[in-house]
Amino acid sequence: MKPIELNSENFKQTISSSKPVLVDFWAVWCGPCRMLSPVVDEIAEEGGDFVIAKVNVDNEPSIANEYSISAIPTLLVFKNGEVVNKSVGVISKEEILAMLK
């Protein structure tokens, strides 16, 4: 399954899941984002008891501002609409999976 592309219409509903929701904040021009993106996509393809989503900060600056995203890539893990984990920069697949536990 591909990551869900989030926008102002579907963001709140998606992060309100009882399953952990990993949100990748990224931009097309961001080199480190291009390094992390295939890893996030791979986790989404493999599936699991979580939701994988992405926010393009250039297209959705209000969401990025709401969560004080000042550097990208930033990964936030939500559970029931609340941030329970955060990572800034490129991290390994194992580290991302550990964030979802």
PDB file of N, CA and C in Angstrom:
ATOM      1  N   MET A   1       0.848  -1.183   0.000  1.00  0.00           N
ATOM      2  CA  MET A   1       0.000   0.000   0.000  1.00  0.00           C
ATOM      3  C   MET A   1       0.894   1.248   0.000  1.00  0.00           C
ATOM      4  N   LYS A   2       0.516   2.232  -0.774  1.00  0.00           N
ATOM      5  CA  LYS A   2       1.289   3.471  -0.824  1.00  0.00           C
ATOM      6  C   LYS A   2       0.958   4.356   0.381  1.00  0.00           C
ATOM      7  N   PRO A   3       1.899   5.242   0.746  1.00  0.00           N
ATOM      8  CA  PRO A   3       1.578   6.201   1.811  1.00  0.00           C
ATOM      9  C   PRO A   3       0.403   7.098   1.398  1.00  0.00           C
ATOM     10  N   ILE A   4      -0.378   7.509   2.360  1.00  0.00           N
ATOM     11  CA  ILE A   4      -1.504   8.412   2.122  1.00  0.00           C
ATOM     12  C   ILE A   4      -0.958   9.830   1.985  1.00  0.00           C
ATOM     13  N   GLU A   5      -1.337  10.525   0.922  1.00  0.00           N
ATOM     14  CA  GLU A   5      -0.960  11.934   0.762  1.00  0.00           C
ATOM     15  C   GLU A   5      -1.930  12.768   1.588  1.00  0.00           C
ATOM     16  N   LEU A   6      -1.413  13.461   2.588  1.00  0.00           N
ATOM     17  CA  LEU A   6      -2.280  14.237   3.477  1.00  0.00           C
ATOM     18  C   LEU A   6      -2.385  15.682   3.026  1.00  0.00           C
ATOM     19  N   ASN A   7      -3.564  16.248   3.283  1.00  0.00           N
ATOM     20  CA  ASN A   7      -3.819  17.664   3.014  1.00  0.00           C
ATOM     21  C   ASN A   7      -4.752  18.170   4.108  1.00  0.00           C
ATOM     22  N   SER A   8      -5.134  19.424   4.010  1.00  0.00           N
ATOM     23  CA  SER A   8      -5.962  20.018   5.069  1.00  0.00           C
ATOM     24  C   SER A   8      -7.318  19.334   5.201  1.00  0.00           C
ATOM     25  N   GLU A   9      -7.801  18.677   4.133  1.00  0.00           N
ATOM     26  CA  GLU A   9      -9.098  18.004   4.208  1.00  0.00           C
ATOM     27  C   GLU A   9      -9.041  16.668   4.946  1.00  0.00           C
ATOM     28  N   ASN A  10      -7.942  15.908   4.790  1.00  0.00           N
ATOM     29  CA  ASN A  10      -7.923  14.556   5.369  1.00  0.00           C
ATOM     30  C   ASN A  10      -6.943  14.386   6.531  1.00  0.00           C
ATOM     31  N   PHE A  11      -6.216  15.434   6.902  1.00  0.00           N
ATOM     32  CA  PHE A  11      -5.174  15.300   7.927  1.00  0.00           C
ATOM     33  C   PHE A  11      -5.732  14.878   9.285  1.00  0.00           C
ATOM     34  N   LYS A  12      -6.652  15.667   9.831  1.00  0.00           N
ATOM     35  CA  LYS A  12      -7.160  15.403  11.196  1.00  0.00           C
ATOM     36  C   LYS A  12      -7.799  14.022  11.302  1.00  0.00           C
ATOM     37  N   GLN A  13      -8.568  13.644  10.291  1.00  0.00           N
ATOM     38  CA  GLN A  13      -9.225  12.336  10.312  1.00  0.00           C
ATOM     39  C   GLN A  13      -8.184  11.214  10.290  1.00  0.00           C
ATOM     40  N   THR A  14      -7.153  11.364   9.471  1.00  0.00           N
ATOM     41  CA  THR A  14      -6.136  10.317   9.351  1.00  0.00           C
ATOM     42  C   THR A  14      -5.347  10.145  10.639  1.00  0.00           C
ATOM     43  N   ILE A  15      -4.917  11.240  11.262  1.00  0.00           N
ATOM     44  CA  ILE A  15      -4.095  11.112  12.477  1.00  0.00           C
ATOM     45  C   ILE A  15      -4.905  10.687  13.699  1.00  0.00           C
ATOM     46  N   SER A  16      -6.216  10.686  13.595  1.00  0.00           N
ATOM     47  CA  SER A  16      -7.071  10.302  14.721  1.00  0.00           C
ATOM     48  C   SER A  16      -7.252   8.795  14.848  1.00  0.00           C
ATOM     49  N   SER A  17      -6.574   8.037  14.011  1.00  0.00           N
ATOM     50  CA  SER A  17      -6.662   6.581  14.040  1.00  0.00           C
ATOM     51  C   SER A  17      -6.186   6.034  15.380  1.00  0.00           C
ATOM     52  N   SER A  18      -6.771   4.911  15.787  1.00  0.00           N
ATOM     53  CA  SER A  18      -6.288   4.247  17.005  1.00  0.00           C
ATOM     54  C   SER A  18      -4.975   3.518  16.739  1.00  0.00           C
ATOM     55  N   LYS A  19      -4.672   3.252  15.458  1.00  0.00           N
ATOM     56  CA  LYS A  19      -3.380   2.672  15.081  1.00  0.00           C
ATOM     57  C   LYS A  19      -2.344   3.795  15.056  1.00  0.00           C
ATOM     58  N   PRO A  20      -1.075   3.464  15.267  1.00  0.00           N
ATOM     59  CA  PRO A  20      -0.033   4.490  15.108  1.00  0.00           C
ATOM     60  C   PRO A  20      -0.036   5.006  13.665  1.00  0.00           C
ATOM     61  N   VAL A  21       0.143   6.310  13.511  1.00  0.00           N
ATOM     62  CA  VAL A  21       0.179   6.937  12.188  1.00  0.00           C
ATOM     63  C   VAL A  21       1.520   7.657  12.041  1.00  0.00           C
ATOM     64  N   LEU A  22       2.340   7.200  11.098  1.00  0.00           N
ATOM     65  CA  LEU A  22       3.615   7.844  10.806  1.00  0.00           C
ATOM     66  C   LEU A  22       3.375   8.886   9.718  1.00  0.00           C
ATOM     67  N   VAL A  23       3.736  10.141   9.999  1.00  0.00           N
ATOM     68  CA  VAL A  23       3.594  11.205   9.006  1.00  0.00           C
ATOM     69  C   VAL A  23       4.987  11.732   8.662  1.00  0.00           C
ATOM     70  N   ASP A  24       5.312  11.640   7.378  1.00  0.00           N
ATOM     71  CA  ASP A  24       6.584  12.115   6.845  1.00  0.00           C
ATOM     72  C   ASP A  24       6.371  13.517   6.281  1.00  0.00           C
ATOM     73  N   PHE A  25       6.980  14.516   6.906  1.00  0.00           N
ATOM     74  CA  PHE A  25       6.938  15.895   6.396  1.00  0.00           C
ATOM     75  C   PHE A  25       8.141  16.070   5.475  1.00  0.00           C
ATOM     76  N   TRP A  26       7.897  16.432   4.208  1.00  0.00           N
ATOM     77  CA  TRP A  26       8.942  16.439   3.194  1.00  0.00           C
ATOM     78  C   TRP A  26       8.691  17.539   2.167  1.00  0.00           C
ATOM     79  N   ALA A  27       9.646  17.712   1.249  1.00  0.00           N
ATOM     80  CA  ALA A  27       9.494  18.618   0.108  1.00  0.00           C
ATOM     81  C   ALA A  27      10.293  18.058  -1.073  1.00  0.00           C
ATOM     82  N   VAL A  28       9.861  18.368  -2.279  1.00  0.00           N
ATOM     83  CA  VAL A  28      10.487  17.873  -3.500  1.00  0.00           C
ATOM     84  C   VAL A  28      11.957  18.283  -3.585  1.00  0.00           C
ATOM     85  N   TRP A  29      12.276  19.491  -3.163  1.00  0.00           N
ATOM     86  CA  TRP A  29      13.623  20.056  -3.302  1.00  0.00           C
ATOM     87  C   TRP A  29      14.601  19.580  -2.225  1.00  0.00           C
ATOM     88  N   CYS A  30      14.137  18.824  -1.263  1.00  0.00           N
ATOM     89  CA  CYS A  30      14.926  18.430  -0.086  1.00  0.00           C
ATOM     90  C   CYS A  30      15.698  17.138  -0.358  1.00  0.00           C
ATOM     91  N   GLY A  31      17.035  17.239  -0.414  1.00  0.00           N
ATOM     92  CA  GLY A  31      17.884  16.074  -0.650  1.00  0.00           C
ATOM     93  C   GLY A  31      17.720  14.973   0.387  1.00  0.00           C
ATOM     94  N   PRO A  32      17.828  15.288   1.684  1.00  0.00           N
ATOM     95  CA  PRO A  32      17.634  14.242   2.692  1.00  0.00           C
ATOM     96  C   PRO A  32      16.237  13.603   2.617  1.00  0.00           C
ATOM     97  N   CYS A  33      15.228  14.381   2.214  1.00  0.00           N
ATOM     98  CA  CYS A  33      13.873  13.822   2.061  1.00  0.00           C
ATOM     99  C   CYS A  33      13.864  12.751   0.975  1.00  0.00           C
ATOM    100  N   ARG A  34      14.603  13.007  -0.109  1.00  0.00           N
ATOM    101  CA  ARG A  34      14.665  12.037  -1.208  1.00  0.00           C
ATOM    102  C   ARG A  34      15.393  10.763  -0.771  1.00  0.00           C
ATOM    103  N   MET A  35      16.271  10.879   0.229  1.00  0.00           N
ATOM    104  CA  MET A  35      16.941   9.694   0.773  1.00  0.00           C
ATOM    105  C   MET A  35      15.994   8.895   1.674  1.00  0.00           C
ATOM    106  N   LEU A  36      15.185   9.584   2.454  1.00  0.00           N
ATOM    107  CA  LEU A  36      14.300   8.931   3.420  1.00  0.00           C
ATOM    108  C   LEU A  36      13.021   8.393   2.769  1.00  0.00           C
ATOM    109  N   SER A  37      12.544   9.057   1.753  1.00  0.00           N
ATOM    110  CA  SER A  37      11.259   8.718   1.134  1.00  0.00           C
ATOM    111  C   SER A  37      11.148   7.251   0.694  1.00  0.00           C
ATOM    112  N   PRO A  38      12.162   6.676   0.017  1.00  0.00           N
ATOM    113  CA  PRO A  38      12.027   5.268  -0.381  1.00  0.00           C
ATOM    114  C   PRO A  38      11.917   4.318   0.809  1.00  0.00           C
ATOM    115  N   VAL A  39      12.528   4.680   1.920  1.00  0.00           N
ATOM    116  CA  VAL A  39      12.455   3.852   3.128  1.00  0.00           C
ATOM    117  C   VAL A  39      11.028   3.889   3.680  1.00  0.00           C
ATOM    118  N   VAL A  40      10.449   5.091   3.735  1.00  0.00           N
ATOM    119  CA  VAL A  40       9.069   5.249   4.207  1.00  0.00           C
ATOM    120  C   VAL A  40       8.114   4.505   3.267  1.00  0.00           C
ATOM    121  N   ASP A  41       8.340   4.629   1.957  1.00  0.00           N
ATOM    122  CA  ASP A  41       7.506   3.929   0.979  1.00  0.00           C
ATOM    123  C   ASP A  41       7.589   2.415   1.161  1.00  0.00           C
ATOM    124  N   GLU A  42       8.793   1.908   1.423  1.00  0.00           N
ATOM    125  CA  GLU A  42       8.993   0.469   1.620  1.00  0.00           C
ATOM    126  C   GLU A  42       8.220  -0.023   2.836  1.00  0.00           C
ATOM    127  N   ILE A  43       8.263   0.735   3.923  1.00  0.00           N
ATOM    128  CA  ILE A  43       7.512   0.368   5.130  1.00  0.00           C
ATOM    129  C   ILE A  43       6.015   0.340   4.827  1.00  0.00           C
ATOM    130  N   ALA A  44       5.547   1.317   4.063  1.00  0.00           N
ATOM    131  CA  ALA A  44       4.130   1.365   3.694  1.00  0.00           C
ATOM    132  C   ALA A  44       3.753   0.149   2.845  1.00  0.00           C
ATOM    133  N   GLU A  45       4.618  -0.208   1.885  1.00  0.00           N
ATOM    134  CA  GLU A  45       4.356  -1.359   1.005  1.00  0.00           C
ATOM    135  C   GLU A  45       4.303  -2.665   1.784  1.00  0.00           C
ATOM    136  N   GLU A  46       5.170  -2.802   2.773  1.00  0.00           N
ATOM    137  CA  GLU A  46       5.219  -4.034   3.563  1.00  0.00           C
ATOM    138  C   GLU A  46       4.011  -4.162   4.473  1.00  0.00           C
ATOM    139  N   GLY A  47       3.417  -3.040   4.828  1.00  0.00           N
ATOM    140  CA  GLY A  47       2.230  -3.060   5.670  1.00  0.00           C
ATOM    141  C   GLY A  47       2.540  -3.384   7.116  1.00  0.00           C
ATOM    142  N   GLY A  48       1.513  -3.303   7.921  1.00  0.00           N
ATOM    143  CA  GLY A  48       1.656  -3.552   9.348  1.00  0.00           C
ATOM    144  C   GLY A  48       0.460  -2.945  10.056  1.00  0.00           C
ATOM    145  N   ASP A  49       0.507  -3.001  11.357  1.00  0.00           N
ATOM    146  CA  ASP A  49      -0.611  -2.484  12.146  1.00  0.00           C
ATOM    147  C   ASP A  49      -0.399  -0.998  12.421  1.00  0.00           C
ATOM    148  N   PHE A  50      -0.229  -0.225  11.344  1.00  0.00           N
ATOM    149  CA  PHE A  50      -0.021   1.212  11.422  1.00  0.00           C
ATOM    150  C   PHE A  50      -0.417   1.844  10.096  1.00  0.00           C
ATOM    151  N   VAL A  51      -0.441   3.158  10.080  1.00  0.00           N
ATOM    152  CA  VAL A  51      -0.781   3.928   8.883  1.00  0.00           C
ATOM    153  C   VAL A  51       0.443   4.775   8.521  1.00  0.00           C
ATOM    154  N   ILE A  52       0.789   4.822   7.231  1.00  0.00           N
ATOM    155  CA  ILE A  52       1.910   5.622   6.759  1.00  0.00           C
ATOM    156  C   ILE A  52       1.362   6.735   5.866  1.00  0.00           C
ATOM    157  N   ALA A  53       1.781   7.970   6.147  1.00  0.00           N
ATOM    158  CA  ALA A  53       1.274   9.117   5.393  1.00  0.00           C
ATOM    159  C   ALA A  53       2.382  10.135   5.179  1.00  0.00           C
ATOM    160  N   LYS A  54       2.148  11.046   4.221  1.00  0.00           N
ATOM    161  CA  LYS A  54       3.136  12.079   3.906  1.00  0.00           C
ATOM    162  C   LYS A  54       2.456  13.433   3.768  1.00  0.00           C
ATOM    163  N   VAL A  55       3.199  14.473   4.155  1.00  0.00           N
ATOM    164  CA  VAL A  55       2.747  15.850   3.972  1.00  0.00           C
ATOM    165  C   VAL A  55       3.842  16.608   3.215  1.00  0.00           C
ATOM    166  N   ASN A  56       3.518  17.122   2.038  1.00  0.00           N
ATOM    167  CA  ASN A  56       4.434  17.988   1.301  1.00  0.00           C
ATOM    168  C   ASN A  56       4.316  19.370   1.930  1.00  0.00           C
ATOM    169  N   VAL A  57       5.379  19.832   2.597  1.00  0.00           N
ATOM    170  CA  VAL A  57       5.299  21.088   3.348  1.00  0.00           C
ATOM    171  C   VAL A  57       5.111  22.308   2.439  1.00  0.00           C
ATOM    172  N   ASP A  58       5.510  22.194   1.176  1.00  0.00           N
ATOM    173  CA  ASP A  58       5.287  23.306   0.243  1.00  0.00           C
ATOM    174  C   ASP A  58       3.816  23.431  -0.127  1.00  0.00           C
ATOM    175  N   ASN A  59       3.123  22.307  -0.198  1.00  0.00           N
ATOM    176  CA  ASN A  59       1.697  22.309  -0.545  1.00  0.00           C
ATOM    177  C   ASN A  59       0.800  22.542   0.665  1.00  0.00           C
ATOM    178  N   GLU A  60       1.276  22.184   1.847  1.00  0.00           N
ATOM    179  CA  GLU A  60       0.463  22.266   3.070  1.00  0.00           C
ATOM    180  C   GLU A  60       1.222  22.981   4.191  1.00  0.00           C
ATOM    181  N   PRO A  61       1.601  24.247   3.990  1.00  0.00           N
ATOM    182  CA  PRO A  61       2.382  24.948   5.020  1.00  0.00           C
ATOM    183  C   PRO A  61       1.628  25.120   6.337  1.00  0.00           C
ATOM    184  N   SER A  62       0.307  25.182   6.308  1.00  0.00           N
ATOM    185  CA  SER A  62      -0.447  25.373   7.553  1.00  0.00           C
ATOM    186  C   SER A  62      -0.314  24.163   8.467  1.00  0.00           C
ATOM    187  N   ILE A  63      -0.269  22.956   7.898  1.00  0.00           N
ATOM    188  CA  ILE A  63      -0.085  21.749   8.716  1.00  0.00           C
ATOM    189  C   ILE A  63       1.326  21.751   9.309  1.00  0.00           C
ATOM    190  N   ALA A  64       2.314  22.076   8.482  1.00  0.00           N
ATOM    191  CA  ALA A  64       3.699  22.126   8.967  1.00  0.00           C
ATOM    192  C   ALA A  64       3.839  23.157  10.089  1.00  0.00           C
ATOM    193  N   ASN A  65       3.212  24.302   9.929  1.00  0.00           N
ATOM    194  CA  ASN A  65       3.274  25.340  10.966  1.00  0.00           C
ATOM    195  C   ASN A  65       2.598  24.893  12.248  1.00  0.00           C
ATOM    196  N   GLU A  66       1.457  24.221  12.124  1.00  0.00           N
ATOM    197  CA  GLU A  66       0.713  23.770  13.300  1.00  0.00           C
ATOM    198  C   GLU A  66       1.557  22.847  14.179  1.00  0.00           C
ATOM    199  N   TYR A  67       2.422  22.059  13.543  1.00  0.00           N
ATOM    200  CA  TYR A  67       3.251  21.105  14.288  1.00  0.00           C
ATOM    201  C   TYR A  67       4.708  21.567  14.405  1.00  0.00           C
ATOM    202  N   SER A  68       4.942  22.861  14.167  1.00  0.00           N
ATOM    203  CA  SER A  68       6.262  23.492  14.333  1.00  0.00           C
ATOM    204  C   SER A  68       7.368  22.743  13.597  1.00  0.00           C
ATOM    205  N   ILE A  69       7.076  22.361  12.355  1.00  0.00           N
ATOM    206  CA  ILE A  69       8.076  21.684  11.530  1.00  0.00           C
ATOM    207  C   ILE A  69       9.030  22.742  10.989  1.00  0.00           C
ATOM    208  N   SER A  70      10.262  22.751  11.506  1.00  0.00           N
ATOM    209  CA  SER A  70      11.229  23.769  11.095  1.00  0.00           C
ATOM    210  C   SER A  70      12.366  23.180  10.271  1.00  0.00           C
ATOM    211  N   ALA A  71      12.471  21.855  10.234  1.00  0.00           N
ATOM    212  CA  ALA A  71      13.480  21.177   9.429  1.00  0.00           C
ATOM    213  C   ALA A  71      12.843  19.917   8.842  1.00  0.00           C
ATOM    214  N   ILE A  72      13.266  19.577   7.640  1.00  0.00           N
ATOM    215  CA  ILE A  72      12.737  18.364   7.014  1.00  0.00           C
ATOM    216  C   ILE A  72      13.891  17.509   6.518  1.00  0.00           C
ATOM    217  N   PRO A  73      13.728  16.204   6.443  1.00  0.00           N
ATOM    218  CA  PRO A  73      12.505  15.489   6.766  1.00  0.00           C
ATOM    219  C   PRO A  73      12.269  15.405   8.284  1.00  0.00           C
ATOM    220  N   THR A  74      11.008  15.491   8.656  1.00  0.00           N
ATOM    221  CA  THR A  74      10.588  15.255  10.032  1.00  0.00           C
ATOM    222  C   THR A  74       9.542  14.152  10.008  1.00  0.00           C
ATOM    223  N   LEU A  75       9.699  13.190  10.879  1.00  0.00           N
ATOM    224  CA  LEU A  75       8.709  12.130  11.047  1.00  0.00           C
ATOM    225  C   LEU A  75       8.004  12.335  12.375  1.00  0.00           C
ATOM    226  N   LEU A  76       6.680  12.345  12.340  1.00  0.00           N
ATOM    227  CA  LEU A  76       5.878  12.387  13.563  1.00  0.00           C
ATOM    228  C   LEU A  76       5.048  11.117  13.615  1.00  0.00           C
ATOM    229  N   VAL A  77       4.943  10.537  14.799  1.00  0.00           N
ATOM    230  CA  VAL A  77       4.054   9.403  15.006  1.00  0.00           C
ATOM    231  C   VAL A  77       2.911   9.882  15.886  1.00  0.00           C
ATOM    232  N   PHE A  78       1.691   9.693  15.377  1.00  0.00           N
ATOM    233  CA  PHE A  78       0.477  10.068  16.099  1.00  0.00           C
ATOM    234  C   PHE A  78      -0.233   8.810  16.570  1.00  0.00           C
ATOM    235  N   LYS A  79      -0.867   8.920  17.724  1.00  0.00           N
ATOM    236  CA  LYS A  79      -1.785   7.882  18.185  1.00  0.00           C
ATOM    237  C   LYS A  79      -2.986   8.599  18.777  1.00  0.00           C
ATOM    238  N   ASN A  80      -4.156   8.282  18.265  1.00  0.00           N
ATOM    239  CA  ASN A  80      -5.395   8.942  18.676  1.00  0.00           C
ATOM    240  C   ASN A  80      -5.283  10.463  18.560  1.00  0.00           C
ATOM    241  N   GLY A  81      -4.601  10.925  17.516  1.00  0.00           N
ATOM    242  CA  GLY A  81      -4.513  12.356  17.251  1.00  0.00           C
ATOM    243  C   GLY A  81      -3.422  13.095  17.994  1.00  0.00           C
ATOM    244  N   GLU A  82      -2.682  12.395  18.855  1.00  0.00           N
ATOM    245  CA  GLU A  82      -1.626  13.030  19.644  1.00  0.00           C
ATOM    246  C   GLU A  82      -0.249  12.584  19.165  1.00  0.00           C
ATOM    247  N   VAL A  83       0.711  13.515  19.141  1.00  0.00           N
ATOM    248  CA  VAL A  83       2.086  13.163  18.783  1.00  0.00           C
ATOM    249  C   VAL A  83       2.704  12.346  19.913  1.00  0.00           C
ATOM    250  N   VAL A  84       3.179  11.148  19.586  1.00  0.00           N
ATOM    251  CA  VAL A  84       3.796  10.288  20.597  1.00  0.00           C
ATOM    252  C   VAL A  84       5.281  10.039  20.310  1.00  0.00           C
ATOM    253  N   ASN A  85       5.756  10.429  19.115  1.00  0.00           N
ATOM    254  CA  ASN A  85       7.155  10.242  18.768  1.00  0.00           C
ATOM    255  C   ASN A  85       7.537  11.205  17.657  1.00  0.00           C
ATOM    256  N   LYS A  86       8.816  11.607  17.620  1.00  0.00           N
ATOM    257  CA  LYS A  86       9.283  12.560  16.614  1.00  0.00           C
ATOM    258  C   LYS A  86      10.726  12.267  16.261  1.00  0.00           C
ATOM    259  N   SER A  87      11.053  12.444  14.980  1.00  0.00           N
ATOM    260  CA  SER A  87      12.430  12.306  14.518  1.00  0.00           C
ATOM    261  C   SER A  87      12.682  13.340  13.431  1.00  0.00           C
ATOM    262  N   VAL A  88      13.847  13.993  13.491  1.00  0.00           N
ATOM    263  CA  VAL A  88      14.231  14.963  12.468  1.00  0.00           C
ATOM    264  C   VAL A  88      15.480  14.448  11.774  1.00  0.00           C
ATOM    265  N   GLY A  89      15.467  14.435  10.446  1.00  0.00           N
ATOM    266  CA  GLY A  89      16.614  13.962   9.675  1.00  0.00           C
ATOM    267  C   GLY A  89      16.409  12.544   9.190  1.00  0.00           C
ATOM    268  N   VAL A  90      17.424  12.047   8.498  1.00  0.00           N
ATOM    269  CA  VAL A  90      17.361  10.705   7.928  1.00  0.00           C
ATOM    270  C   VAL A  90      17.702   9.677   9.001  1.00  0.00           C
ATOM    271  N   ILE A  91      16.822   8.676   9.138  1.00  0.00           N
ATOM    272  CA  ILE A  91      17.068   7.576  10.073  1.00  0.00           C
ATOM    273  C   ILE A  91      16.835   6.261   9.338  1.00  0.00           C
ATOM    274  N   SER A  92      17.246   5.172   9.950  1.00  0.00           N
ATOM    275  CA  SER A  92      17.151   3.856   9.315  1.00  0.00           C
ATOM    276  C   SER A  92      15.718   3.307   9.391  1.00  0.00           C
ATOM    277  N   LYS A  93      15.487   2.311   8.552  1.00  0.00           N
ATOM    278  CA  LYS A  93      14.200   1.616   8.554  1.00  0.00           C
ATOM    279  C   LYS A  93      13.915   1.038   9.941  1.00  0.00           C
ATOM    280  N   GLU A  94      14.922   0.461  10.564  1.00  0.00           N
ATOM    281  CA  GLU A  94      14.749  -0.146  11.888  1.00  0.00           C
ATOM    282  C   GLU A  94      14.339   0.907  12.916  1.00  0.00           C
ATOM    283  N   GLU A  95      14.960   2.094  12.824  1.00  0.00           N
ATOM    284  CA  GLU A  95      14.615   3.174  13.754  1.00  0.00           C
ATOM    285  C   GLU A  95      13.183   3.650  13.528  1.00  0.00           C
ATOM    286  N   ILE A  96      12.769   3.708  12.268  1.00  0.00           N
ATOM    287  CA  ILE A  96      11.386   4.127  11.973  1.00  0.00           C
ATOM    288  C   ILE A  96      10.410   3.088  12.537  1.00  0.00           C
ATOM    289  N   LEU A  97      10.680   1.818  12.296  1.00  0.00           N
ATOM    290  CA  LEU A  97       9.789   0.759  12.807  1.00  0.00           C
ATOM    291  C   LEU A  97       9.733   0.791  14.335  1.00  0.00           C
ATOM    292  N   ALA A  98      10.846   1.087  14.985  1.00  0.00           N
ATOM    293  CA  ALA A  98      10.870   1.175  16.447  1.00  0.00           C
ATOM    294  C   ALA A  98       9.999   2.327  16.931  1.00  0.00           C
ATOM    295  N   MET A  99       9.950   3.428  16.170  1.00  0.00           N
ATOM    296  CA  MET A  99       9.106   4.572  16.532  1.00  0.00           C
ATOM    297  C   MET A  99       7.625   4.190  16.523  1.00  0.00           C
ATOM    298  N   LEU A 100       7.252   3.214  15.701  1.00  0.00           N
ATOM    299  CA  LEU A 100       5.850   2.819  15.540  1.00  0.00           C
ATOM    300  C   LEU A 100       5.374   1.836  16.594  1.00  0.00           C
ATOM    301  N   LYS A 101       6.271   1.368  17.449  1.00  0.00           N
ATOM    302  CA  LYS A 101       5.878   0.372  18.471  1.00  0.00           C
ATOM    303  C   LYS A 101       5.286   1.022  19.679  1.00  0.00           C
TER     304      LYS A 101
END
